[in-house]
N, C-alpha and C. Protein backbone atom coordinates (compact mmCIF):
# COMPACT_ATOMS: atom_id res chain seq x y z
N MET A 1 113.16 123.96 122.70
CA MET A 1 112.02 123.09 122.54
C MET A 1 112.16 122.31 121.24
N LYS A 2 112.11 121.00 121.33
CA LYS A 2 112.27 120.15 120.16
C LYS A 2 110.90 119.79 119.58
N ILE A 3 110.75 119.97 118.29
CA ILE A 3 109.50 119.64 117.61
C ILE A 3 109.71 118.35 116.84
N ASN A 4 108.80 117.41 117.02
CA ASN A 4 108.86 116.18 116.27
C ASN A 4 108.43 116.48 114.83
N PHE A 5 109.27 116.14 113.88
CA PHE A 5 109.00 116.48 112.49
C PHE A 5 107.84 115.70 111.89
N LEU A 6 107.38 114.64 112.57
CA LEU A 6 106.22 113.92 112.07
C LEU A 6 104.94 114.75 112.16
N TRP A 7 104.92 115.78 113.02
CA TRP A 7 103.74 116.65 113.10
C TRP A 7 103.53 117.45 111.82
N TYR A 8 104.58 117.63 111.02
CA TYR A 8 104.43 118.31 109.73
C TYR A 8 103.66 117.46 108.74
N PHE A 9 103.56 116.16 109.01
CA PHE A 9 102.86 115.25 108.12
C PHE A 9 101.36 115.55 108.05
N LEU A 10 100.77 115.95 109.15
CA LEU A 10 99.31 116.17 109.18
C LEU A 10 98.85 117.30 108.26
N PRO A 11 99.41 118.51 108.35
CA PRO A 11 98.96 119.55 107.41
C PRO A 11 99.36 119.25 105.97
N LEU A 12 100.49 118.59 105.79
CA LEU A 12 100.90 118.21 104.44
C LEU A 12 99.94 117.20 103.85
N LEU A 13 99.53 116.22 104.64
CA LEU A 13 98.57 115.22 104.19
C LEU A 13 97.24 115.87 103.84
N ALA A 14 96.77 116.77 104.69
CA ALA A 14 95.49 117.44 104.44
C ALA A 14 95.55 118.30 103.17
N SER A 15 96.62 119.05 103.01
CA SER A 15 96.70 119.93 101.84
C SER A 15 96.86 119.15 100.54
N VAL A 16 97.68 118.11 100.54
CA VAL A 16 97.85 117.30 99.33
C VAL A 16 96.54 116.61 98.96
N SER A 17 95.86 116.06 99.95
CA SER A 17 94.59 115.37 99.69
C SER A 17 93.54 116.33 99.15
N LEU A 18 93.44 117.51 99.74
CA LEU A 18 92.44 118.48 99.27
C LEU A 18 92.75 119.00 97.87
N VAL A 19 94.00 119.28 97.59
CA VAL A 19 94.36 119.77 96.25
C VAL A 19 94.13 118.69 95.21
N TYR A 20 94.53 117.46 95.52
CA TYR A 20 94.32 116.36 94.58
C TYR A 20 92.84 116.15 94.32
N ALA A 21 92.04 116.16 95.39
CA ALA A 21 90.59 115.98 95.23
C ALA A 21 89.97 117.16 94.49
N GLY A 22 90.46 118.35 94.74
CA GLY A 22 89.93 119.54 94.08
C GLY A 22 90.17 119.55 92.59
N THR A 23 91.23 118.89 92.14
CA THR A 23 91.49 118.83 90.71
C THR A 23 90.63 117.77 90.02
N ARG A 24 90.05 116.86 90.80
CA ARG A 24 89.25 115.78 90.23
C ARG A 24 87.74 116.03 90.33
N GLN A 25 87.30 116.81 91.30
CA GLN A 25 85.88 117.01 91.55
C GLN A 25 85.54 118.50 91.51
N GLU A 26 84.24 118.78 91.41
CA GLU A 26 83.81 120.18 91.41
C GLU A 26 82.92 120.52 92.61
N ARG A 27 82.15 119.58 93.10
CA ARG A 27 81.27 119.84 94.23
C ARG A 27 82.01 119.65 95.55
N MET A 28 81.68 120.46 96.55
CA MET A 28 82.39 120.44 97.83
C MET A 28 82.29 119.09 98.52
N ARG A 29 81.11 118.52 98.54
CA ARG A 29 80.94 117.21 99.20
C ARG A 29 81.81 116.15 98.53
N ALA A 30 81.83 116.14 97.21
CA ALA A 30 82.64 115.17 96.48
C ALA A 30 84.13 115.40 96.72
N ILE A 31 84.53 116.66 96.85
CA ILE A 31 85.94 116.98 97.13
C ILE A 31 86.34 116.44 98.50
N LEU A 32 85.48 116.65 99.50
CA LEU A 32 85.80 116.17 100.85
C LEU A 32 85.86 114.65 100.92
N VAL A 33 84.93 113.98 100.25
CA VAL A 33 84.93 112.52 100.24
C VAL A 33 86.19 112.01 99.55
N GLN A 34 86.52 112.58 98.41
CA GLN A 34 87.72 112.17 97.68
C GLN A 34 88.98 112.48 98.48
N ALA A 35 89.00 113.58 99.21
CA ALA A 35 90.16 113.94 100.02
C ALA A 35 90.37 112.92 101.14
N VAL A 36 89.29 112.47 101.76
CA VAL A 36 89.41 111.46 102.82
C VAL A 36 89.93 110.15 102.22
N HIS A 37 89.41 109.76 101.07
CA HIS A 37 89.88 108.53 100.43
C HIS A 37 91.36 108.63 100.08
N THR A 38 91.78 109.76 99.57
CA THR A 38 93.18 109.96 99.22
C THR A 38 94.06 109.95 100.46
N ALA A 39 93.62 110.58 101.53
CA ALA A 39 94.39 110.60 102.77
C ALA A 39 94.56 109.19 103.33
N VAL A 40 93.49 108.40 103.31
CA VAL A 40 93.57 107.01 103.79
C VAL A 40 94.54 106.21 102.92
N TRP A 41 94.48 106.41 101.63
CA TRP A 41 95.39 105.71 100.71
C TRP A 41 96.84 106.09 100.99
N ILE A 42 97.13 107.36 101.18
CA ILE A 42 98.49 107.81 101.45
C ILE A 42 99.00 107.24 102.77
N VAL A 43 98.18 107.32 103.81
CA VAL A 43 98.59 106.80 105.13
C VAL A 43 98.81 105.28 105.05
N GLY A 44 97.94 104.58 104.36
CA GLY A 44 98.10 103.13 104.22
C GLY A 44 99.36 102.76 103.47
N PHE A 45 99.64 103.49 102.41
CA PHE A 45 100.85 103.23 101.62
C PHE A 45 102.10 103.51 102.45
N MET A 46 102.10 104.60 103.19
CA MET A 46 103.27 104.92 104.02
C MET A 46 103.42 103.92 105.16
N ALA A 47 102.31 103.44 105.72
CA ALA A 47 102.37 102.43 106.78
C ALA A 47 102.93 101.12 106.23
N ALA A 48 102.53 100.74 105.03
CA ALA A 48 103.05 99.52 104.42
C ALA A 48 104.56 99.62 104.20
N ILE A 49 105.01 100.77 103.73
CA ILE A 49 106.45 100.97 103.54
C ILE A 49 107.18 100.92 104.87
N ALA A 50 106.61 101.52 105.91
CA ALA A 50 107.24 101.50 107.23
C ALA A 50 107.34 100.08 107.77
N ILE A 51 106.30 99.28 107.56
CA ILE A 51 106.32 97.89 108.03
C ILE A 51 107.39 97.09 107.28
N ILE A 52 107.46 97.27 105.98
CA ILE A 52 108.49 96.58 105.19
C ILE A 52 109.88 96.97 105.65
N LEU A 53 110.10 98.25 105.90
CA LEU A 53 111.41 98.69 106.37
C LEU A 53 111.74 98.14 107.75
N GLN A 54 110.75 98.05 108.63
CA GLN A 54 110.97 97.46 109.95
C GLN A 54 111.33 95.99 109.85
N ILE A 55 110.66 95.26 108.96
CA ILE A 55 110.97 93.84 108.77
C ILE A 55 112.37 93.67 108.21
N LEU A 56 112.73 94.47 107.22
CA LEU A 56 114.07 94.40 106.66
C LEU A 56 115.14 94.74 107.69
N ASP A 57 114.83 95.70 108.55
CA ASP A 57 115.78 96.08 109.59
C ASP A 57 115.94 94.97 110.64
N ALA A 58 114.86 94.27 110.92
CA ALA A 58 114.93 93.20 111.91
C ALA A 58 115.78 92.02 111.44
N PHE A 59 115.81 91.78 110.15
CA PHE A 59 116.57 90.66 109.62
C PHE A 59 117.98 91.03 109.17
N SER A 60 118.36 92.27 109.33
CA SER A 60 119.71 92.65 108.91
C SER A 60 120.68 92.67 110.06
């Protein structure tokens, strides 16, 4: 059975976002809000890099 390695991204994203938010905030609600913001930022940044790489690959 082959596992797609992109599925490892979801728990990694959740854990990194929660730890980062936990070091910045003290209240649970603030931690969760900050974790969502961090997760969106990480996904957006990775999507931008993927788009740039796809464009570069198309022109090479």
